[in-house]
């Protein structure tokens, strides 16, 4: 099967296979180090600004803009959630590319792959940006699967916004090809596309990775991070001796889905390789790169907002940079209760965001309010009893505390 054959109109009714597919685990092998490239040994970034400009002129940036901000009580696309200093996720992404284009006198375009739910509002927002070429396109929808009737069908017969499931990374290749965007990019001298989820604030343009791919003629790179306690997911594997990106793109994305939580979902792909893969099912040469943990910084919940709005990060030219004053290489584990879930509630419960440079973990339950200038260190648990409002006073310094009432502060 060719990649383009995977996609069907959302209104079609397709019988599901009665026999489920199974992975033959006896044929599964863990990936060797041969195609795992540590970030540290990649080629350095050129010092000459002209060489950097030439690199960037080969690049397009693609962000998957499918999700809504409903998990944080926001309306519209998640990309309009305010991250810091009144700037939204989309503001930061555009600012980064504007800065690159101005600094190096290059022309890096931004591609937004929207869902049916996000496209219309995103198009309106894009009218306010200058200094960067932005192309927007709607990803295909995949039909819902209804196990009880062994059919794939749209929700309530609707083929519009609610009629299908978002397709995500698995649809990018075909949309680039079938929309004509890929040929347009090639005609402008673009060679690589950097693909990432729009809410990953760590997924910035990395010149070191781009330089390595260009100079080593590598078609495909997936960024992965070492598995730690807070990173769910499986291991990198081969099936029947195939590489992680085998000749068959259908199998490729089955494998990606197996360990998707291990992967940062940051992908670097040669545009001509996409063409070969989709049109000819031709093999492509691929690597995995173990990148710094900073390459994965999702903003999906209020606990993520507390991280990126704190003194743990600084913001400049659309880039969130981790504060070098923090000695612990890992970010603190933060768990906020349902009272903080919605963006509006989160914002009003903090007079100012606490200092968390020396924080290891924070768990907050109940009706808790933070004053200004609060400092949190070590491991903190705050549990307000049901029906009781707990206020953390201005200027409080809490270290390794288990707080159930004012007397515990």
Protein backbone atom coordinates (compact mmCIF):
# COMPACT_ATOMS: atom_id res chain seq x y z
CA UNK A 1 0.00 0.00 0.00
CA UNK A 2 1.22 3.47 -0.82
CA UNK A 3 0.95 6.17 1.78
CA UNK A 4 -1.71 8.12 -0.11
CA UNK A 5 -3.95 5.05 -0.12
CA UNK A 6 -4.24 5.18 3.65
CA UNK A 7 -6.59 8.17 3.54
CA UNK A 8 -10.32 8.02 2.86
CA UNK A 9 -13.13 10.60 2.93
CA UNK A 10 -14.53 10.92 6.42
CA UNK A 11 -18.08 10.26 5.21
CA UNK A 12 -17.25 6.82 3.84
CA UNK A 13 -18.38 3.80 5.84
CA UNK A 14 -15.59 1.25 5.95
CA UNK A 15 -15.91 -2.24 7.45
CA UNK A 16 -13.26 -2.96 10.04
CA UNK A 17 -11.16 -6.06 9.65
CA UNK A 18 -12.54 -8.87 11.76
CA UNK A 19 -9.04 -10.15 12.45
CA UNK A 20 -6.91 -7.76 14.47
CA UNK A 21 -3.30 -7.27 13.50
CA UNK A 22 -0.71 -8.60 15.91
CA UNK A 23 2.96 -7.83 16.27
CA UNK A 24 5.08 -10.96 16.20
CA UNK A 25 7.23 -10.17 19.21
CA UNK A 26 9.70 -12.90 18.40
CA UNK A 27 10.71 -10.80 15.39
CA UNK A 28 11.10 -7.58 17.39
CA UNK A 29 14.61 -6.37 18.13
CA UNK A 30 15.73 -3.40 20.16
CA UNK A 31 17.46 -0.73 18.15
CA UNK A 32 21.24 -0.81 18.08
CA UNK A 33 23.50 2.20 18.43
CA UNK A 34 24.28 2.23 14.70
CA UNK A 35 21.51 4.67 13.81
CA UNK A 36 21.31 6.45 17.19
CA UNK A 37 23.23 9.70 17.00
CA UNK A 38 23.87 11.56 20.27
CA UNK A 39 23.25 15.27 19.96
CA UNK A 40 26.66 16.06 21.44
CA UNK A 41 28.60 14.46 18.56
CA UNK A 42 26.67 16.22 15.79
CA UNK A 43 28.53 18.71 13.64
CA UNK A 44 28.86 22.16 15.23
CA UNK A 45 26.94 25.14 13.93
CA UNK A 46 28.95 27.20 11.41
CA UNK A 47 30.35 30.43 12.81
CA UNK A 48 29.99 32.25 9.49
CA UNK A 49 26.58 33.98 9.32
CA UNK A 50 26.45 33.48 5.54
CA UNK A 51 26.72 29.72 6.02
CA UNK A 52 23.98 29.86 8.63
CA UNK A 53 21.78 31.83 6.24
CA UNK A 54 22.37 29.22 3.53
CA UNK A 55 21.33 26.49 5.96
CA UNK A 56 18.17 28.28 7.02
CA UNK A 57 17.21 28.99 3.42
CA UNK A 58 16.88 25.21 3.00
CA UNK A 59 14.37 24.95 5.86
CA UNK A 60 10.62 25.20 6.38
CA UNK A 61 9.00 24.86 9.83
CA UNK A 62 5.75 22.92 10.18
CA UNK A 63 3.62 22.95 13.32
CA UNK A 64 0.68 20.62 13.96
CA UNK A 65 -2.11 22.91 15.13
CA UNK A 66 -4.92 20.45 15.74
CA UNK A 67 -5.80 20.79 19.41
CA UNK A 68 -8.23 23.06 21.22
CA UNK A 69 -7.58 24.79 24.53
CA UNK A 70 -10.56 23.12 26.19
CA UNK A 71 -8.42 21.16 28.69
CA UNK A 72 -7.51 24.52 30.25
CA UNK A 73 -11.00 25.94 29.95
CA UNK A 74 -10.09 28.09 26.94
CA UNK A 75 -12.08 28.52 23.77
CA UNK A 76 -10.52 28.21 20.33
CA UNK A 77 -7.20 26.65 19.30
CA UNK A 78 -4.65 25.75 21.97
CA UNK A 79 -2.11 27.91 20.13
CA UNK A 80 -3.85 31.04 21.50
CA UNK A 81 -3.22 30.07 25.14
CA UNK A 82 -1.16 32.82 26.79
CA UNK A 83 2.25 31.46 27.79
CA UNK A 84 4.15 34.45 29.17
CA UNK A 85 4.19 38.25 29.11
CA UNK A 86 0.81 38.30 27.37
CA UNK A 87 2.16 36.32 24.42
CA UNK A 88 0.45 33.20 23.10
CA UNK A 89 1.99 29.93 21.93
CA UNK A 90 1.59 31.08 18.32
CA UNK A 91 3.09 34.49 19.09
CA UNK A 92 6.27 32.84 20.38
CA UNK A 93 6.58 30.56 17.34
CA UNK A 94 6.15 33.43 14.91
CA UNK A 95 8.53 35.64 16.90
CA UNK A 96 11.25 33.00 16.72
CA UNK A 97 11.01 32.72 12.93
CA UNK A 98 10.73 36.49 12.48
CA UNK A 99 13.95 36.86 14.50
CA UNK A 100 15.80 34.23 12.43
CA UNK A 101 14.69 35.80 9.16
CA UNK A 102 15.71 39.28 10.26
CA UNK A 103 19.03 38.27 11.83
CA UNK A 104 20.30 36.11 8.97
CA UNK A 105 18.40 37.75 6.09
CA UNK A 106 16.88 34.39 5.21
CA UNK A 107 13.36 33.24 4.36
CA UNK A 108 12.12 30.46 6.63
CA UNK A 109 8.39 29.90 6.06
CA UNK A 110 5.97 28.64 8.72
CA UNK A 111 3.46 25.93 7.79
CA UNK A 112 0.47 25.32 10.05
CA UNK A 113 -1.38 22.03 9.71
CA UNK A 114 -4.75 22.74 11.27
CA UNK A 115 -7.71 20.55 12.15
CA UNK A 116 -11.26 21.35 11.07
CA UNK A 117 -11.77 22.70 14.60
CA UNK A 118 -8.84 25.13 14.57
CA UNK A 119 -8.51 26.26 10.95
CA UNK A 120 -11.04 29.08 10.71
CA UNK A 121 -10.02 30.91 13.88
CA UNK A 122 -6.31 30.40 13.18
CA UNK A 123 -6.71 31.96 9.74
CA UNK A 124 -8.12 35.11 11.30
CA UNK A 125 -5.28 35.30 13.83
CA UNK A 126 -2.63 34.95 11.12
CA UNK A 127 -3.71 38.22 9.51
CA UNK A 128 -1.97 40.11 12.31
CA UNK A 129 1.54 38.73 11.71
CA UNK A 130 4.24 40.29 9.54
CA UNK A 131 7.79 39.36 8.57
CA UNK A 132 7.23 35.68 7.92
CA UNK A 133 5.47 33.70 5.21
CA UNK A 134 2.76 31.56 6.80
CA UNK A 135 0.92 28.81 4.94
CA UNK A 136 -2.06 27.09 6.56
CA UNK A 137 -3.76 23.89 5.50
CA UNK A 138 -6.36 21.54 6.98
CA UNK A 139 -5.28 18.00 7.75
CA UNK A 140 -7.49 15.13 6.69
CA UNK A 141 -9.81 13.56 9.20
CA UNK A 142 -9.83 9.85 9.90
CA UNK A 143 -13.20 8.14 10.47
CA UNK A 144 -14.30 7.17 13.94
CA UNK A 145 -14.10 3.44 14.67
CA UNK A 146 -17.20 1.85 16.20
CA UNK A 147 -16.20 -1.55 17.49
CA UNK A 148 -19.74 -2.73 18.24
CA UNK A 149 -20.76 -2.62 14.58
CA UNK A 150 -17.29 -3.24 13.13
CA UNK A 151 -17.54 -0.09 11.04
CA UNK A 152 -15.74 3.21 10.66
CA UNK A 153 -18.14 6.08 10.40
CA UNK A 154 -18.48 9.77 11.17
CA UNK A 155 -20.04 10.96 14.38
CA UNK A 156 -23.82 11.23 13.86
CA UNK A 157 -23.27 11.29 10.12
CA UNK A 158 -21.45 14.61 10.34
CA UNK A 159 -18.54 15.08 7.94
CA UNK A 160 -17.68 18.53 9.28
CA UNK A 161 -15.82 19.57 12.43
CA UNK A 162 -17.21 16.73 14.54
CA UNK A 163 -17.17 14.13 11.81
CA UNK A 164 -13.76 12.57 12.24
CA UNK A 165 -10.62 12.11 14.29
CA UNK A 166 -7.54 14.34 13.86
CA UNK A 167 -4.87 12.57 11.84
CA UNK A 168 -1.71 14.09 13.32
CA UNK A 169 1.80 13.19 12.20
CA UNK A 170 0.61 10.21 10.16
CA UNK A 171 -1.07 12.52 7.65
CA UNK A 172 1.68 15.09 7.12
CA UNK A 173 3.40 13.40 4.18
CA UNK A 174 0.25 12.95 2.10
CA UNK A 175 -1.04 16.47 2.80
CA UNK A 176 2.26 18.04 1.78
CA UNK A 177 2.20 16.01 -1.44
CA UNK A 178 -1.48 16.27 -2.38
CA UNK A 179 -1.86 19.95 -1.49
CA UNK A 180 1.01 21.02 -3.74
CA UNK A 181 2.84 22.55 -0.77
CA UNK A 182 5.76 20.17 -1.11
CA UNK A 183 6.38 21.10 -4.75
CA UNK A 184 6.00 24.79 -3.89
CA UNK A 185 8.65 24.47 -1.17
CA UNK A 186 11.02 22.59 -3.48
CA UNK A 187 10.62 25.28 -6.13
CA UNK A 188 11.79 27.84 -3.55
CA UNK A 189 14.95 25.87 -2.75
CA UNK A 190 13.69 24.30 0.47
CA UNK A 191 15.17 20.91 1.29
CA UNK A 192 14.06 20.09 4.83
CA UNK A 193 10.93 20.51 6.92
CA UNK A 194 11.02 20.55 10.72
CA UNK A 195 7.78 19.06 12.09
CA UNK A 196 6.63 19.51 15.69
CA UNK A 197 3.53 19.85 17.84
CA UNK A 198 2.56 23.48 18.18
CA UNK A 199 2.35 23.31 21.99
CA UNK A 200 5.93 22.05 22.44
CA UNK A 201 7.80 25.19 23.42
CA UNK A 202 11.07 23.27 23.31
CA UNK A 203 10.68 22.50 19.61
CA UNK A 204 12.65 25.44 18.28
CA UNK A 205 14.80 25.60 15.14
CA UNK A 206 18.02 23.76 15.98
CA UNK A 207 20.84 24.72 13.63
CA UNK A 208 23.06 21.93 14.92
CA UNK A 209 20.61 19.22 13.88
CA UNK A 210 19.90 20.89 10.53
CA UNK A 211 23.61 21.28 9.78
CA UNK A 212 24.25 17.62 10.60
CA UNK A 213 21.46 16.39 8.33
CA UNK A 214 22.44 18.59 5.40
CA UNK A 215 26.14 17.75 5.53
CA UNK A 216 25.63 14.01 6.05
CA UNK A 217 22.82 13.73 3.49
CA UNK A 218 20.42 12.19 6.00
CA UNK A 219 16.76 12.03 4.99
CA UNK A 220 15.00 11.71 8.31
CA UNK A 221 15.73 12.41 11.96
CA UNK A 222 13.49 11.78 14.95
CA UNK A 223 14.40 13.51 18.20
CA UNK A 224 14.13 11.29 21.26
CA UNK A 225 14.96 11.83 24.90
CA UNK A 226 16.32 9.33 27.43
CA UNK A 227 13.51 7.55 29.23
CA UNK A 228 13.04 8.84 32.77
CA UNK A 229 10.42 8.35 35.47
CA UNK A 230 8.24 11.15 34.11
CA UNK A 231 8.42 10.06 30.46
CA UNK A 232 6.01 7.30 29.56
CA UNK A 233 6.44 5.11 26.51
CA UNK A 234 8.25 2.14 25.11
CA UNK A 235 11.60 1.42 23.53
CA UNK A 236 12.98 1.93 20.03
CA UNK A 237 12.50 -1.27 18.05
CA UNK A 238 12.83 -2.91 14.67
CA UNK A 239 10.32 -5.44 13.36
CA UNK A 240 11.49 -8.25 11.08
CA UNK A 241 14.82 -6.50 10.66
CA UNK A 242 13.32 -3.25 9.33
CA UNK A 243 14.70 0.07 10.45
CA UNK A 244 12.44 2.32 12.55
CA UNK A 245 11.55 4.11 9.31
CA UNK A 246 11.11 1.14 6.96
CA UNK A 247 10.22 1.13 3.29
CA UNK A 248 6.54 0.89 4.10
CA UNK A 249 5.24 4.20 5.50
CA UNK A 250 2.21 2.47 6.97
CA UNK A 251 4.46 0.34 9.19
CA UNK A 252 6.59 3.38 9.91
CA UNK A 253 3.79 5.15 11.69
CA UNK A 254 2.58 2.00 13.43
CA UNK A 255 6.03 1.82 14.99
CA UNK A 256 6.05 5.50 15.85
CA UNK A 257 2.72 5.09 17.63
CA UNK A 258 4.11 2.24 19.73
CA UNK A 259 6.57 4.50 21.48
CA UNK A 260 5.12 7.93 20.74
CA UNK A 261 5.46 9.06 24.36
CA UNK A 262 9.17 8.25 24.27
CA UNK A 263 9.58 10.47 21.21
CA UNK A 264 9.50 14.26 21.42
CA UNK A 265 7.43 14.23 18.18
CA UNK A 266 10.08 16.54 16.69
CA UNK A 267 10.88 15.29 13.18
CA UNK A 268 13.31 16.54 10.52
CA UNK A 269 12.46 15.30 7.03
CA UNK A 270 14.06 15.81 3.62
CA UNK A 271 11.39 17.00 1.18
CA UNK A 272 12.69 14.96 -1.73
CA UNK A 273 12.72 11.90 0.52
CA UNK A 274 9.02 12.48 1.24
CA UNK A 275 8.39 12.44 -2.48
CA UNK A 276 10.32 9.20 -2.95
CA UNK A 277 8.60 7.61 0.01
CA UNK A 278 5.07 8.49 -1.07
CA UNK A 279 5.41 8.05 -4.82
CA UNK A 280 7.79 5.12 -5.05
CA UNK A 281 7.82 3.52 -1.59
CA UNK A 282 11.57 3.99 -1.86
CA UNK A 283 13.71 3.50 1.26
CA UNK A 284 15.04 6.53 3.03
CA UNK A 285 18.07 6.88 5.29
CA UNK A 286 17.13 7.74 8.87
CA UNK A 287 18.64 8.40 12.26
CA UNK A 288 17.42 8.90 15.79
CA UNK A 289 19.04 11.58 17.87
CA UNK A 290 19.08 11.62 21.66
CA UNK A 291 18.58 15.34 22.24
CA UNK A 292 18.63 17.45 25.41
CA UNK A 293 15.52 17.14 27.55
CA UNK A 294 14.90 20.85 26.90
CA UNK A 295 13.66 19.87 23.39
CA UNK A 296 10.45 18.66 25.01
CA UNK A 297 8.56 21.42 26.83
CA UNK A 298 4.84 20.93 26.21
CA UNK A 299 2.23 23.42 27.38
CA UNK A 300 -0.82 21.22 27.78
CA UNK A 301 -1.99 21.90 31.33
CA UNK A 302 -1.84 24.51 34.08
CA UNK A 303 1.12 22.72 35.69
CA UNK A 304 3.06 23.36 32.48
CA UNK A 305 2.12 27.04 32.62
CA UNK A 306 3.52 27.30 36.14
CA UNK A 307 6.86 26.00 34.84
CA UNK A 308 7.19 28.32 31.85
CA UNK A 309 5.89 31.42 33.66
CA UNK A 310 8.27 31.00 36.59
CA UNK A 311 11.85 32.13 37.13
CA UNK A 312 12.91 28.72 35.82
CA UNK A 313 12.70 30.22 32.31
CA UNK A 314 13.42 33.50 30.57
CA UNK A 315 11.83 34.66 27.32
CA UNK A 316 13.64 36.36 24.45
CA UNK A 317 12.80 36.52 20.73
CA UNK A 318 10.17 33.81 21.07
CA UNK A 319 12.54 31.40 22.83
CA UNK A 320 12.05 30.08 26.35
CA UNK A 321 15.51 29.49 27.85
CA UNK A 322 16.04 27.52 31.03
CA UNK A 323 17.65 29.42 33.89
CA UNK A 324 21.25 28.26 34.26
CA UNK A 325 21.06 28.97 37.99
CA UNK A 326 19.08 25.76 38.51
CA UNK A 327 21.44 22.97 39.49
CA UNK A 328 19.03 20.05 39.04
CA UNK A 329 18.99 19.07 35.31
CA UNK A 330 15.37 17.91 35.56
CA UNK A 331 12.39 20.20 35.85
CA UNK A 332 10.34 19.96 39.06
CA UNK A 333 7.37 17.60 39.02
CA UNK A 334 4.26 19.74 39.46
CA UNK A 335 0.75 18.46 40.12
CA UNK A 336 -2.02 21.02 40.58
CA UNK A 337 -5.53 20.06 41.64
CA UNK A 338 -8.72 20.61 39.62
CA UNK A 339 -9.15 24.06 41.16
CA UNK A 340 -6.21 25.17 38.96
CA UNK A 341 -7.24 23.34 35.78
CA UNK A 342 -8.83 26.24 33.93
CA UNK A 343 -6.55 29.03 32.76
CA UNK A 344 -8.69 31.73 34.40
CA UNK A 345 -8.68 29.93 37.76
CA UNK A 346 -4.95 29.26 37.54
CA UNK A 347 -4.24 32.94 36.86
CA UNK A 348 -6.31 34.32 39.73
CA UNK A 349 -4.92 31.88 42.32
CA UNK A 350 -1.41 33.35 42.00
CA UNK A 351 -0.75 37.00 42.91
CA UNK A 352 2.59 36.28 41.27
CA UNK A 353 4.19 33.06 40.10
CA UNK A 354 6.38 31.58 42.89
CA UNK A 355 10.13 31.17 42.56
CA UNK A 356 10.78 27.48 41.86
CA UNK A 357 14.48 27.43 41.00
CA UNK A 358 15.17 25.04 43.90
CA UNK A 359 11.88 23.13 43.76
CA UNK A 360 11.93 19.36 43.23
CA UNK A 361 8.22 18.57 43.45
CA UNK A 362 4.94 20.33 44.18
CA UNK A 363 1.51 18.84 44.77
CA UNK A 364 -1.44 21.12 45.49
CA UNK A 365 -4.98 19.98 46.37
CA UNK A 366 -7.98 22.04 47.37
CA UNK A 367 -8.82 25.73 47.61
CA UNK A 368 -5.27 27.11 47.75
CA UNK A 369 -4.23 30.70 46.96
CA UNK A 370 -0.67 32.01 46.59
CA UNK A 371 0.44 35.49 47.59
CA UNK A 372 3.18 37.45 45.86
CA UNK A 373 6.90 36.75 46.21
CA UNK A 374 6.47 33.14 47.39
CA UNK A 375 9.51 30.81 47.15
CA UNK A 376 9.16 27.03 46.94
CA UNK A 377 12.11 24.68 47.58
CA UNK A 378 12.59 20.93 47.79
CA UNK A 379 9.44 18.80 48.00
CA UNK A 380 6.21 20.59 48.83
CA UNK A 381 2.71 19.16 49.40
CA UNK A 382 -0.17 21.54 50.10
CA UNK A 383 -3.56 20.05 50.96
CA UNK A 384 -6.44 22.35 51.85
CA UNK A 385 -9.26 20.61 53.71
CA UNK A 386 -12.64 20.46 52.01
CA UNK A 387 -14.49 23.76 52.38
CA UNK A 388 -11.43 25.56 53.76
CA UNK A 389 -9.61 28.32 51.89
CA UNK A 390 -5.85 28.20 52.41
CA UNK A 391 -3.72 31.27 51.66
CA UNK A 392 0.05 31.13 51.23
CA UNK A 393 1.16 34.56 52.54
CA UNK A 394 3.22 37.10 50.63
CA UNK A 395 6.94 36.44 50.79
CA UNK A 396 6.58 32.95 52.26
CA UNK A 397 9.59 30.63 51.84
CA UNK A 398 8.51 26.97 51.94
CA UNK A 399 11.05 24.16 51.91
CA UNK A 400 10.34 20.42 52.22
CA UNK A 401 6.92 21.04 53.74
CA UNK A 402 3.75 18.97 54.04
CA UNK A 403 1.13 21.66 54.62
CA UNK A 404 -2.39 20.84 55.78
CA UNK A 405 -3.11 24.14 57.49
CA UNK A 406 -1.61 27.52 58.48
CA UNK A 407 0.16 25.94 61.46
CA UNK A 408 2.30 23.85 59.06
CA UNK A 409 3.85 26.89 57.36
